Amino acid sequence: MPFVIKLIVTNIVIIGCVQLGKKLPSVAGLVATMPITTLAVLLWLHAEKPSDNGLLTDYTRGVLWGIVPTALFFGSTMIFLKRGLSLNTTLSVSFVVWLSTAALLQWLLKW
């Protein structure tokens, strides 16, 4: 599948979530976390390497383990915003939480 088509489809999903978020933020959050992105990536990887199930398995494993740092990112973001921290501070600290957890998980998975 051509890169331009992948780019267009991805942007449509992102822009759609932003527009939905203006009216129904919790629904937009649900859509943003749907496995639609994972589904698209699996289909694109399969289209490029149809016989490489190992690639698809490894990608899916990464997605599954990526849920942990992602949940901590969103949990810390919600807590910090509720406590009145600025968006910049909240996102910076939450990203450090995500990155630290992701790095630890990658290390544990290789160990």
PDB file of N, CA and C in Angstrom:
ATOM      1  N   MET A   1       0.850  -1.172   0.000  1.00  0.00           N
ATOM      2  CA  MET A   1       0.000   0.000   0.000  1.00  0.00           C
ATOM      3  C   MET A   1       0.895   1.233   0.000  1.00  0.00           C
ATOM      4  N   PRO A   2       0.647   2.176  -0.893  1.00  0.00           N
ATOM      5  CA  PRO A   2       1.492   3.365  -0.971  1.00  0.00           C
ATOM      6  C   PRO A   2       1.488   4.173   0.334  1.00  0.00           C
ATOM      7  N   PHE A   3       2.632   4.754   0.622  1.00  0.00           N
ATOM      8  CA  PHE A   3       2.811   5.533   1.846  1.00  0.00           C
ATOM      9  C   PHE A   3       1.809   6.675   1.939  1.00  0.00           C
ATOM     10  N   VAL A   4       1.521   7.325   0.831  1.00  0.00           N
ATOM     11  CA  VAL A   4       0.605   8.472   0.831  1.00  0.00           C
ATOM     12  C   VAL A   4      -0.788   8.050   1.303  1.00  0.00           C
ATOM     13  N   ILE A   5      -1.243   6.887   0.884  1.00  0.00           N
ATOM     14  CA  ILE A   5      -2.560   6.402   1.310  1.00  0.00           C
ATOM     15  C   ILE A   5      -2.552   6.134   2.816  1.00  0.00           C
ATOM     16  N   LYS A   6      -1.479   5.541   3.314  1.00  0.00           N
ATOM     17  CA  LYS A   6      -1.361   5.292   4.751  1.00  0.00           C
ATOM     18  C   LYS A   6      -1.411   6.610   5.524  1.00  0.00           C
ATOM     19  N   LEU A   7      -0.704   7.598   5.017  1.00  0.00           N
ATOM     20  CA  LEU A   7      -0.662   8.906   5.657  1.00  0.00           C
ATOM     21  C   LEU A   7      -2.041   9.555   5.676  1.00  0.00           C
ATOM     22  N   ILE A   8      -2.752   9.486   4.576  1.00  0.00           N
ATOM     23  CA  ILE A   8      -4.090  10.081   4.487  1.00  0.00           C
ATOM     24  C   ILE A   8      -5.053   9.396   5.454  1.00  0.00           C
ATOM     25  N   VAL A   9      -5.054   8.078   5.465  1.00  0.00           N
ATOM     26  CA  VAL A   9      -5.957   7.334   6.355  1.00  0.00           C
ATOM     27  C   VAL A   9      -5.651   7.661   7.817  1.00  0.00           C
ATOM     28  N   THR A  10      -4.377   7.687   8.168  1.00  0.00           N
ATOM     29  CA  THR A  10      -3.981   7.993   9.541  1.00  0.00           C
ATOM     30  C   THR A  10      -4.433   9.391   9.937  1.00  0.00           C
ATOM     31  N   ASN A  11      -4.241  10.355   9.060  1.00  0.00           N
ATOM     32  CA  ASN A  11      -4.647  11.728   9.360  1.00  0.00           C
ATOM     33  C   ASN A  11      -6.157  11.862   9.480  1.00  0.00           C
ATOM     34  N   ILE A  12      -6.894  11.130   8.685  1.00  0.00           N
ATOM     35  CA  ILE A  12      -8.358  11.167   8.782  1.00  0.00           C
ATOM     36  C   ILE A  12      -8.801  10.682  10.163  1.00  0.00           C
ATOM     37  N   VAL A  13      -8.192   9.614  10.644  1.00  0.00           N
ATOM     38  CA  VAL A  13      -8.544   9.088  11.970  1.00  0.00           C
ATOM     39  C   VAL A  13      -8.226  10.119  13.050  1.00  0.00           C
ATOM     40  N   ILE A  14      -7.041  10.720  12.994  1.00  0.00           N
ATOM     41  CA  ILE A  14      -6.634  11.699  14.004  1.00  0.00           C
ATOM     42  C   ILE A  14      -7.534  12.928  13.964  1.00  0.00           C
ATOM     43  N   ILE A  15      -7.751  13.478  12.784  1.00  0.00           N
ATOM     44  CA  ILE A  15      -8.601  14.665  12.659  1.00  0.00           C
ATOM     45  C   ILE A  15     -10.030  14.349  13.089  1.00  0.00           C
ATOM     46  N   GLY A  16     -10.505  13.163  12.744  1.00  0.00           N
ATOM     47  CA  GLY A  16     -11.842  12.749  13.179  1.00  0.00           C
ATOM     48  C   GLY A  16     -11.955  12.713  14.695  1.00  0.00           C
ATOM     49  N   CYS A  17     -10.929  12.201  15.368  1.00  0.00           N
ATOM     50  CA  CYS A  17     -10.935  12.166  16.837  1.00  0.00           C
ATOM     51  C   CYS A  17     -10.919  13.572  17.430  1.00  0.00           C
ATOM     52  N   VAL A  18     -10.142  14.458  16.837  1.00  0.00           N
ATOM     53  CA  VAL A  18     -10.091  15.839  17.326  1.00  0.00           C
ATOM     54  C   VAL A  18     -11.461  16.494  17.182  1.00  0.00           C
ATOM     55  N   GLN A  19     -12.086  16.337  16.034  1.00  0.00           N
ATOM     56  CA  GLN A  19     -13.406  16.938  15.813  1.00  0.00           C
ATOM     57  C   GLN A  19     -14.445  16.334  16.756  1.00  0.00           C
ATOM     58  N   LEU A  20     -14.405  15.038  16.942  1.00  0.00           N
ATOM     59  CA  LEU A  20     -15.326  14.375  17.857  1.00  0.00           C
ATOM     60  C   LEU A  20     -15.078  14.837  19.291  1.00  0.00           C
ATOM     61  N   GLY A  21     -13.816  15.062  19.632  1.00  0.00           N
ATOM     62  CA  GLY A  21     -13.452  15.505  20.974  1.00  0.00           C
ATOM     63  C   GLY A  21     -14.022  16.859  21.342  1.00  0.00           C
ATOM     64  N   LYS A  22     -14.301  17.688  20.360  1.00  0.00           N
ATOM     65  CA  LYS A  22     -14.889  19.003  20.631  1.00  0.00           C
ATOM     66  C   LYS A  22     -16.316  18.877  21.148  1.00  0.00           C
ATOM     67  N   LYS A  23     -17.019  17.847  20.731  1.00  0.00           N
ATOM     68  CA  LYS A  23     -18.423  17.672  21.126  1.00  0.00           C
ATOM     69  C   LYS A  23     -18.602  16.577  22.173  1.00  0.00           C
ATOM     70  N   LEU A  24     -17.868  15.491  22.026  1.00  0.00           N
ATOM     71  CA  LEU A  24     -18.006  14.336  22.921  1.00  0.00           C
ATOM     72  C   LEU A  24     -16.619  13.844  23.340  1.00  0.00           C
ATOM     73  N   PRO A  25     -15.974  14.536  24.294  1.00  0.00           N
ATOM     74  CA  PRO A  25     -14.597  14.192  24.643  1.00  0.00           C
ATOM     75  C   PRO A  25     -14.400  12.746  25.095  1.00  0.00           C
ATOM     76  N   SER A  26     -15.316  12.211  25.882  1.00  0.00           N
ATOM     77  CA  SER A  26     -15.104  10.844  26.368  1.00  0.00           C
ATOM     78  C   SER A  26     -15.246   9.827  25.237  1.00  0.00           C
ATOM     79  N   VAL A  27     -16.130  10.095  24.287  1.00  0.00           N
ATOM     80  CA  VAL A  27     -16.274   9.201  23.132  1.00  0.00           C
ATOM     81  C   VAL A  27     -15.027   9.295  22.250  1.00  0.00           C
ATOM     82  N   ALA A  28     -14.512  10.506  22.086  1.00  0.00           N
ATOM     83  CA  ALA A  28     -13.287  10.682  21.297  1.00  0.00           C
ATOM     84  C   ALA A  28     -12.121   9.935  21.945  1.00  0.00           C
ATOM     85  N   GLY A  29     -12.063   9.964  23.280  1.00  0.00           N
ATOM     86  CA  GLY A  29     -11.024   9.211  23.986  1.00  0.00           C
ATOM     87  C   GLY A  29     -11.152   7.720  23.744  1.00  0.00           C
ATOM     88  N   LEU A  30     -12.388   7.247  23.734  1.00  0.00           N
ATOM     89  CA  LEU A  30     -12.627   5.829  23.462  1.00  0.00           C
ATOM     90  C   LEU A  30     -12.195   5.468  22.045  1.00  0.00           C
ATOM     91  N   VAL A  31     -12.564   6.312  21.083  1.00  0.00           N
ATOM     92  CA  VAL A  31     -12.191   6.059  19.688  1.00  0.00           C
ATOM     93  C   VAL A  31     -10.670   6.092  19.532  1.00  0.00           C
ATOM     94  N   ALA A  32     -10.023   7.043  20.201  1.00  0.00           N
ATOM     95  CA  ALA A  32      -8.563   7.169  20.088  1.00  0.00           C
ATOM     96  C   ALA A  32      -7.838   5.948  20.636  1.00  0.00           C
ATOM     97  N   THR A  33      -8.450   5.276  21.605  1.00  0.00           N
ATOM     98  CA  THR A  33      -7.793   4.103  22.181  1.00  0.00           C
ATOM     99  C   THR A  33      -8.284   2.796  21.578  1.00  0.00           C
ATOM    100  N   MET A  34      -9.204   2.894  20.644  1.00  0.00           N
ATOM    101  CA  MET A  34      -9.671   1.681  19.965  1.00  0.00           C
ATOM    102  C   MET A  34      -8.508   1.031  19.227  1.00  0.00           C
ATOM    103  N   PRO A  35      -8.595  -0.246  19.020  1.00  0.00           N
ATOM    104  CA  PRO A  35      -7.513  -0.904  18.284  1.00  0.00           C
ATOM    105  C   PRO A  35      -7.535  -0.602  16.787  1.00  0.00           C
ATOM    106  N   ILE A  36      -8.182   0.496  16.390  1.00  0.00           N
ATOM    107  CA  ILE A  36      -8.244   0.836  14.966  1.00  0.00           C
ATOM    108  C   ILE A  36      -6.848   1.123  14.409  1.00  0.00           C
ATOM    109  N   THR A  37      -6.022   1.792  15.202  1.00  0.00           N
ATOM    110  CA  THR A  37      -4.658   2.072  14.753  1.00  0.00           C
ATOM    111  C   THR A  37      -3.868   0.775  14.647  1.00  0.00           C
ATOM    112  N   THR A  38      -4.003  -0.064  15.653  1.00  0.00           N
ATOM    113  CA  THR A  38      -3.322  -1.357  15.632  1.00  0.00           C
ATOM    114  C   THR A  38      -3.790  -2.189  14.450  1.00  0.00           C
ATOM    115  N   LEU A  39      -5.087  -2.178  14.198  1.00  0.00           N
ATOM    116  CA  LEU A  39      -5.635  -2.907  13.057  1.00  0.00           C
ATOM    117  C   LEU A  39      -5.030  -2.399  11.753  1.00  0.00           C
ATOM    118  N   ALA A  40      -4.962  -1.077  11.609  1.00  0.00           N
ATOM    119  CA  ALA A  40      -4.390  -0.502  10.391  1.00  0.00           C
ATOM    120  C   ALA A  40      -2.929  -0.921  10.230  1.00  0.00           C
ATOM    121  N   VAL A  41      -2.161  -0.843  11.312  1.00  0.00           N
ATOM    122  CA  VAL A  41      -0.745  -1.217  11.234  1.00  0.00           C
ATOM    123  C   VAL A  41      -0.595  -2.698  10.899  1.00  0.00           C
ATOM    124  N   LEU A  42      -1.401  -3.549  11.530  1.00  0.00           N
ATOM    125  CA  LEU A  42      -1.341  -4.982  11.213  1.00  0.00           C
ATOM    126  C   LEU A  42      -1.644  -5.230   9.739  1.00  0.00           C
ATOM    127  N   LEU A  43      -2.659  -4.567   9.221  1.00  0.00           N
ATOM    128  CA  LEU A  43      -3.003  -4.736   7.803  1.00  0.00           C
ATOM    129  C   LEU A  43      -1.889  -4.232   6.897  1.00  0.00           C
ATOM    130  N   TRP A  44      -1.291  -3.075   7.247  1.00  0.00           N
ATOM    131  CA  TRP A  44      -0.219  -2.527   6.419  1.00  0.00           C
ATOM    132  C   TRP A  44       1.025  -3.410   6.478  1.00  0.00           C
ATOM    133  N   LEU A  45       1.378  -3.896   7.681  1.00  0.00           N
ATOM    134  CA  LEU A  45       2.530  -4.803   7.794  1.00  0.00           C
ATOM    135  C   LEU A  45       2.294  -6.082   7.004  1.00  0.00           C
ATOM    136  N   HIS A  46       1.082  -6.617   7.108  1.00  0.00           N
ATOM    137  CA  HIS A  46       0.753  -7.844   6.379  1.00  0.00           C
ATOM    138  C   HIS A  46       0.786  -7.609   4.867  1.00  0.00           C
ATOM    139  N   ALA A  47       0.310  -6.443   4.427  1.00  0.00           N
ATOM    140  CA  ALA A  47       0.319  -6.135   2.992  1.00  0.00           C
ATOM    141  C   ALA A  47       1.749  -6.070   2.457  1.00  0.00           C
ATOM    142  N   GLU A  48       2.668  -5.562   3.283  1.00  0.00           N
ATOM    143  CA  GLU A  48       4.055  -5.431   2.844  1.00  0.00           C
ATOM    144  C   GLU A  48       4.842  -6.735   2.981  1.00  0.00           C
ATOM    145  N   LYS A  49       4.506  -7.549   3.987  1.00  0.00           N
ATOM    146  CA  LYS A  49       5.208  -8.823   4.217  1.00  0.00           C
ATOM    147  C   LYS A  49       4.176  -9.891   4.574  1.00  0.00           C
ATOM    148  N   PRO A  50       3.423 -10.372   3.583  1.00  0.00           N
ATOM    149  CA  PRO A  50       2.304 -11.275   3.864  1.00  0.00           C
ATOM    150  C   PRO A  50       2.674 -12.598   4.526  1.00  0.00           C
ATOM    151  N   SER A  51       3.881 -13.051   4.367  1.00  0.00           N
ATOM    152  CA  SER A  51       4.237 -14.356   4.937  1.00  0.00           C
ATOM    153  C   SER A  51       4.984 -14.246   6.266  1.00  0.00           C
ATOM    154  N   ASP A  52       5.124 -13.032   6.794  1.00  0.00           N
ATOM    155  CA  ASP A  52       5.914 -12.830   8.013  1.00  0.00           C
ATOM    156  C   ASP A  52       5.012 -12.724   9.246  1.00  0.00           C
ATOM    157  N   ASN A  53       4.506 -13.876   9.703  1.00  0.00           N
ATOM    158  CA  ASN A  53       3.676 -13.882  10.905  1.00  0.00           C
ATOM    159  C   ASN A  53       4.471 -13.535  12.156  1.00  0.00           C
ATOM    160  N   GLY A  54       5.773 -13.779  12.127  1.00  0.00           N
ATOM    161  CA  GLY A  54       6.620 -13.418  13.260  1.00  0.00           C
ATOM    162  C   GLY A  54       6.619 -11.918  13.490  1.00  0.00           C
ATOM    163  N   LEU A  55       6.662 -11.156  12.404  1.00  0.00           N
ATOM    164  CA  LEU A  55       6.613  -9.701  12.497  1.00  0.00           C
ATOM    165  C   LEU A  55       5.300  -9.253  13.128  1.00  0.00           C
ATOM    166  N   LEU A  56       4.194  -9.848  12.680  1.00  0.00           N
ATOM    167  CA  LEU A  56       2.881  -9.493  13.215  1.00  0.00           C
ATOM    168  C   LEU A  56       2.764  -9.886  14.688  1.00  0.00           C
ATOM    169  N   THR A  57       3.309 -11.041  15.030  1.00  0.00           N
ATOM    170  CA  THR A  57       3.284 -11.494  16.425  1.00  0.00           C
ATOM    171  C   THR A  57       4.096 -10.563  17.314  1.00  0.00           C
ATOM    172  N   ASP A  58       5.296 -10.204  16.859  1.00  0.00           N
ATOM    173  CA  ASP A  58       6.151  -9.307  17.646  1.00  0.00           C
ATOM    174  C   ASP A  58       5.503  -7.936  17.807  1.00  0.00           C
ATOM    175  N   TYR A  59       4.901  -7.435  16.741  1.00  0.00           N
ATOM    176  CA  TYR A  59       4.212  -6.146  16.815  1.00  0.00           C
ATOM    177  C   TYR A  59       3.062  -6.216  17.824  1.00  0.00           C
ATOM    178  N   THR A  60       2.267  -7.269  17.746  1.00  0.00           N
ATOM    179  CA  THR A  60       1.125  -7.421  18.646  1.00  0.00           C
ATOM    180  C   THR A  60       1.581  -7.545  20.098  1.00  0.00           C
ATOM    181  N   ARG A  61       2.671  -8.262  20.326  1.00  0.00           N
ATOM    182  CA  ARG A  61       3.228  -8.369  21.678  1.00  0.00           C
ATOM    183  C   ARG A  61       3.643  -6.985  22.180  1.00  0.00           C
ATOM    184  N   GLY A  62       4.269  -6.200  21.318  1.00  0.00           N
ATOM    185  CA  GLY A  62       4.669  -4.849  21.702  1.00  0.00           C
ATOM    186  C   GLY A  62       3.475  -3.974  22.054  1.00  0.00           C
ATOM    187  N   VAL A  63       2.405  -4.116  21.286  1.00  0.00           N
ATOM    188  CA  VAL A  63       1.182  -3.359  21.579  1.00  0.00           C
ATOM    189  C   VAL A  63       0.620  -3.775  22.934  1.00  0.00           C
ATOM    190  N   LEU A  64       0.561  -5.075  23.168  1.00  0.00           N
ATOM    191  CA  LEU A  64       0.016  -5.575  24.428  1.00  0.00           C
ATOM    192  C   LEU A  64       0.809  -5.045  25.622  1.00  0.00           C
ATOM    193  N   TRP A  65       2.124  -5.149  25.566  1.00  0.00           N
ATOM    194  CA  TRP A  65       2.949  -4.652  26.665  1.00  0.00           C
ATOM    195  C   TRP A  65       2.951  -3.131  26.730  1.00  0.00           C
ATOM    196  N   GLY A  66       2.690  -2.470  25.607  1.00  0.00           N
ATOM    197  CA  GLY A  66       2.631  -1.009  25.589  1.00  0.00           C
ATOM    198  C   GLY A  66       1.431  -0.440  26.313  1.00  0.00           C
ATOM    199  N   ILE A  67       0.459  -1.290  26.607  1.00  0.00           N
ATOM    200  CA  ILE A  67      -0.727  -0.830  27.337  1.00  0.00           C
ATOM    201  C   ILE A  67      -0.352  -0.357  28.739  1.00  0.00           C
ATOM    202  N   VAL A  68       0.618  -1.014  29.369  1.00  0.00           N
ATOM    203  CA  VAL A  68       0.995  -0.670  30.747  1.00  0.00           C
ATOM    204  C   VAL A  68       1.534   0.761  30.837  1.00  0.00           C
ATOM    205  N   PRO A  69       2.592   1.129  30.091  1.00  0.00           N
ATOM    206  CA  PRO A  69       3.070   2.511  30.195  1.00  0.00           C
ATOM    207  C   PRO A  69       2.044   3.524  29.692  1.00  0.00           C
ATOM    208  N   THR A  70       1.245   3.135  28.713  1.00  0.00           N
ATOM    209  CA  THR A  70       0.222   4.048  28.202  1.00  0.00           C
ATOM    210  C   THR A  70      -0.839   4.317  29.264  1.00  0.00           C
ATOM    211  N   ALA A  71      -1.262   3.283  29.977  1.00  0.00           N
ATOM    212  CA  ALA A  71      -2.240   3.468  31.059  1.00  0.00           C
ATOM    213  C   ALA A  71      -1.662   4.369  32.149  1.00  0.00           C
ATOM    214  N   LEU A  72      -0.381   4.189  32.469  1.00  0.00           N
ATOM    215  CA  LEU A  72       0.252   5.048  33.473  1.00  0.00           C
ATOM    216  C   LEU A  72       0.368   6.487  32.977  1.00  0.00           C
ATOM    217  N   PHE A  73       0.623   6.668  31.679  1.00  0.00           N
ATOM    218  CA  PHE A  73       0.668   8.015  31.103  1.00  0.00           C
ATOM    219  C   PHE A  73      -0.676   8.710  31.293  1.00  0.00           C
ATOM    220  N   PHE A  74      -1.749   8.047  30.896  1.00  0.00           N
ATOM    221  CA  PHE A  74      -3.063   8.674  30.986  1.00  0.00           C
ATOM    222  C   PHE A  74      -3.516   8.832  32.436  1.00  0.00           C
ATOM    223  N   GLY A  75      -3.184   7.866  33.278  1.00  0.00           N
ATOM    224  CA  GLY A  75      -3.533   7.992  34.696  1.00  0.00           C
ATOM    225  C   GLY A  75      -2.838   9.173  35.344  1.00  0.00           C
ATOM    226  N   SER A  76      -1.539   9.315  35.090  1.00  0.00           N
ATOM    227  CA  SER A  76      -0.807  10.443  35.673  1.00  0.00           C
ATOM    228  C   SER A  76      -1.272  11.765  35.066  1.00  0.00           C
ATOM    229  N   THR A  77      -1.586  11.773  33.780  1.00  0.00           N
ATOM    230  CA  THR A  77      -2.095  12.990  33.150  1.00  0.00           C
ATOM    231  C   THR A  77      -3.394  13.432  33.812  1.00  0.00           C
ATOM    232  N   MET A  78      -4.297  12.511  34.023  1.00  0.00           N
ATOM    233  CA  MET A  78      -5.574  12.831  34.644  1.00  0.00           C
ATOM    234  C   MET A  78      -5.368  13.369  36.066  1.00  0.00           C
ATOM    235  N   ILE A  79      -4.506  12.720  36.831  1.00  0.00           N
ATOM    236  CA  ILE A  79      -4.252  13.151  38.213  1.00  0.00           C
ATOM    237  C   ILE A  79      -3.641  14.545  38.242  1.00  0.00           C
ATOM    238  N   PHE A  80      -2.625  14.778  37.415  1.00  0.00           N
ATOM    239  CA  PHE A  80      -1.940  16.077  37.429  1.00  0.00           C
ATOM    240  C   PHE A  80      -2.854  17.208  36.964  1.00  0.00           C
ATOM    241  N   LEU A  81      -3.676  16.952  35.956  1.00  0.00           N
ATOM    242  CA  LEU A  81      -4.604  17.985  35.494  1.00  0.00           C
ATOM    243  C   LEU A  81      -5.656  18.287  36.558  1.00  0.00           C
ATOM    244  N   LYS A  82      -6.134  17.263  37.242  1.00  0.00           N
ATOM    245  CA  LYS A  82      -7.104  17.478  38.328  1.00  0.00           C
ATOM    246  C   LYS A  82      -6.501  18.307  39.447  1.00  0.00           C
ATOM    247  N   ARG A  83      -5.206  18.158  39.663  1.00  0.00           N
ATOM    248  CA  ARG A  83      -4.526  18.913  40.724  1.00  0.00           C
ATOM    249  C   ARG A  83      -4.131  20.314  40.280  1.00  0.00           C
ATOM    250  N   GLY A  84      -4.450  20.668  39.049  1.00  0.00           N
ATOM    251  CA  GLY A  84      -4.234  22.031  38.587  1.00  0.00           C
ATOM    252  C   GLY A  84      -2.885  22.307  37.957  1.00  0.00           C
ATOM    253  N   LEU A  85      -2.093  21.283  37.666  1.00  0.00           N
ATOM    254  CA  LEU A  85      -0.821  21.527  36.995  1.00  0.00           C
ATOM    255  C   LEU A  85      -1.077  22.005  35.568  1.00  0.00           C
ATOM    256  N   SER A  86      -0.152  22.771  35.038  1.00  0.00           N
ATOM    257  CA  SER A  86      -0.303  23.255  33.666  1.00  0.00           C
ATOM    258  C   SER A  86      -0.220  22.078  32.695  1.00  0.00           C
ATOM    259  N   LEU A  87      -0.760  22.280  31.516  1.00  0.00           N
ATOM    260  CA  LEU A  87      -0.726  21.218  30.514  1.00  0.00           C
ATOM    261  C   LEU A  87       0.710  20.854  30.152  1.00  0.00           C
ATOM    262  N   ASN A  88       1.581  21.864  30.012  1.00  0.00           N
ATOM    263  CA  ASN A  88       2.980  21.585  29.661  1.00  0.00           C
ATOM    264  C   ASN A  88       3.670  20.734  30.722  1.00  0.00           C
ATOM    265  N   THR A  89       3.499  21.101  31.986  1.00  0.00           N
ATOM    266  CA  THR A  89       4.104  20.329  33.075  1.00  0.00           C
ATOM    267  C   THR A  89       3.513  18.930  33.127  1.00  0.00           C
ATOM    268  N   THR A  90       2.192  18.855  33.022  1.00  0.00           N
ATOM    269  CA  THR A  90       1.504  17.565  33.070  1.00  0.00           C
ATOM    270  C   THR A  90       2.006  16.634  31.979  1.00  0.00           C
ATOM    271  N   LEU A  91       2.051  17.129  30.748  1.00  0.00           N
ATOM    272  CA  LEU A  91       2.487  16.281  29.639  1.00  0.00           C
ATOM    273  C   LEU A  91       3.958  15.895  29.765  1.00  0.00           C
ATOM    274  N   SER A  92       4.778  16.822  30.241  1.00  0.00           N
ATOM    275  CA  SER A  92       6.205  16.522  30.410  1.00  0.00           C
ATOM    276  C   SER A  92       6.418  15.422  31.446  1.00  0.00           C
ATOM    277  N   VAL A  93       5.800  15.572  32.606  1.00  0.00           N
ATOM    278  CA  VAL A  93       5.964  14.577  33.665  1.00  0.00           C
ATOM    279  C   VAL A  93       5.342  13.246  33.244  1.00  0.00           C
ATOM    280  N   SER A  94       4.170  13.303  32.640  1.00  0.00           N
ATOM    281  CA  SER A  94       3.506  12.071  32.204  1.00  0.00           C
ATOM    282  C   SER A  94       4.320  11.353  31.135  1.00  0.00           C
ATOM    283  N   PHE A  95       4.973  12.115  30.260  1.00  0.00           N
ATOM    284  CA  PHE A  95       5.821  11.484  29.251  1.00  0.00           C
ATOM    285  C   PHE A  95       7.015  10.797  29.904  1.00  0.00           C
ATOM    286  N   VAL A  96       7.591  11.423  30.928  1.00  0.00           N
ATOM    287  CA  VAL A  96       8.701  10.791  31.648  1.00  0.00           C
ATOM    288  C   VAL A  96       8.224   9.494  32.309  1.00  0.00           C
ATOM    289  N   VAL A  97       7.012   9.514  32.874  1.00  0.00           N
ATOM    290  CA  VAL A  97       6.429   8.298  33.458  1.00  0.00           C
ATOM    291  C   VAL A  97       6.304   7.225  32.379  1.00  0.00           C
ATOM    292  N   TRP A  98       5.758   7.611  31.225  1.00  0.00           N
ATOM    293  CA  TRP A  98       5.582   6.661  30.117  1.00  0.00           C
ATOM    294  C   TRP A  98       6.930   6.111  29.656  1.00  0.00           C
ATOM    295  N   LEU A  99       7.885   7.008  29.414  1.00  0.00           N
ATOM    296  CA  LEU A  99       9.189   6.600  28.896  1.00  0.00           C
ATOM    297  C   LEU A  99       9.919   5.688  29.877  1.00  0.00           C
ATOM    298  N   SER A 100       9.880   6.033  31.156  1.00  0.00           N
ATOM    299  CA  SER A 100      10.542   5.202  32.173  1.00  0.00           C
ATOM    300  C   SER A 100       9.925   3.811  32.234  1.00  0.00           C
ATOM    301  N   THR A 101       8.601   3.765  32.231  1.00  0.00           N
ATOM    302  CA  THR A 101       7.917   2.473  32.289  1.00  0.00           C
ATOM    303  C   THR A 101       8.173   1.664  31.022  1.00  0.00           C
ATOM    304  N   ALA A 102       8.131   2.323  29.872  1.00  0.00           N
ATOM    305  CA  ALA A 102       8.374   1.630  28.604  1.00  0.00           C
ATOM    306  C   ALA A 102       9.797   1.076  28.557  1.00  0.00           C
ATOM    307  N   ALA A 103      10.765   1.868  29.005  1.00  0.00           N
ATOM    308  CA  ALA A 103      12.160   1.405  29.013  1.00  0.00           C
ATOM    309  C   ALA A 103      12.332   0.219  29.963  1.00  0.00           C
ATOM    310  N   LEU A 104      11.721   0.300  31.140  1.00  0.00           N
ATOM    311  CA  LEU A 104      11.797  -0.804  32.093  1.00  0.00           C
ATOM    312  C   LEU A 104      11.173  -2.070  31.510  1.00  0.00           C
ATOM    313  N   LEU A 105      10.018  -1.949  30.886  1.00  0.00           N
ATOM    314  CA  LEU A 105       9.370  -3.114  30.283  1.00  0.00           C
ATOM    315  C   LEU A 105      10.209  -3.713  29.159  1.00  0.00           C
ATOM    316  N   GLN A 106      10.806  -2.864  28.326  1.00  0.00           N
ATOM    317  CA  GLN A 106      11.658  -3.375  27.254  1.00  0.00           C
ATOM    318  C   GLN A 106      12.851  -4.125  27.828  1.00  0.00           C
ATOM    319  N   TRP A 107      13.425  -3.599  28.891  1.00  0.00           N
ATOM    320  CA  TRP A 107      14.557  -4.263  29.541  1.00  0.00           C
ATOM    321  C   TRP A 107      14.124  -5.606  30.116  1.00  0.00           C
ATOM    322  N   LEU A 108      12.972  -5.626  30.797  1.00  0.00           N
ATOM    323  CA  LEU A 108      12.471  -6.874  31.381  1.00  0.00           C
ATOM    324  C   LEU A 108      12.143  -7.913  30.312  1.00  0.00           C
ATOM    325  N   LEU A 109      11.604  -7.469  29.185  1.00  0.00           N
ATOM    326  CA  LEU A 109      11.253  -8.404  28.117  1.00  0.00           C
ATOM    327  C   LEU A 109      12.488  -9.020  27.463  1.00  0.00           C
ATOM    328  N   LYS A 110      13.596  -8.304  27.459  1.00  0.00           N
ATOM    329  CA  LYS A 110      14.834  -8.836  26.879  1.00  0.00           C
ATOM    330  C   LYS A 110      15.590  -9.705  27.869  1.00  0.00           C
ATOM    331  N   TRP A 111      15.293  -9.554  29.129  1.00  0.00           N
ATOM    332  CA  TRP A 111      16.008 -10.249  30.194  1.00  0.00           C
ATOM    333  C   TRP A 111      15.630 -11.637  30.316  1.00  0.00           C
TER     334      TRP A 111
END
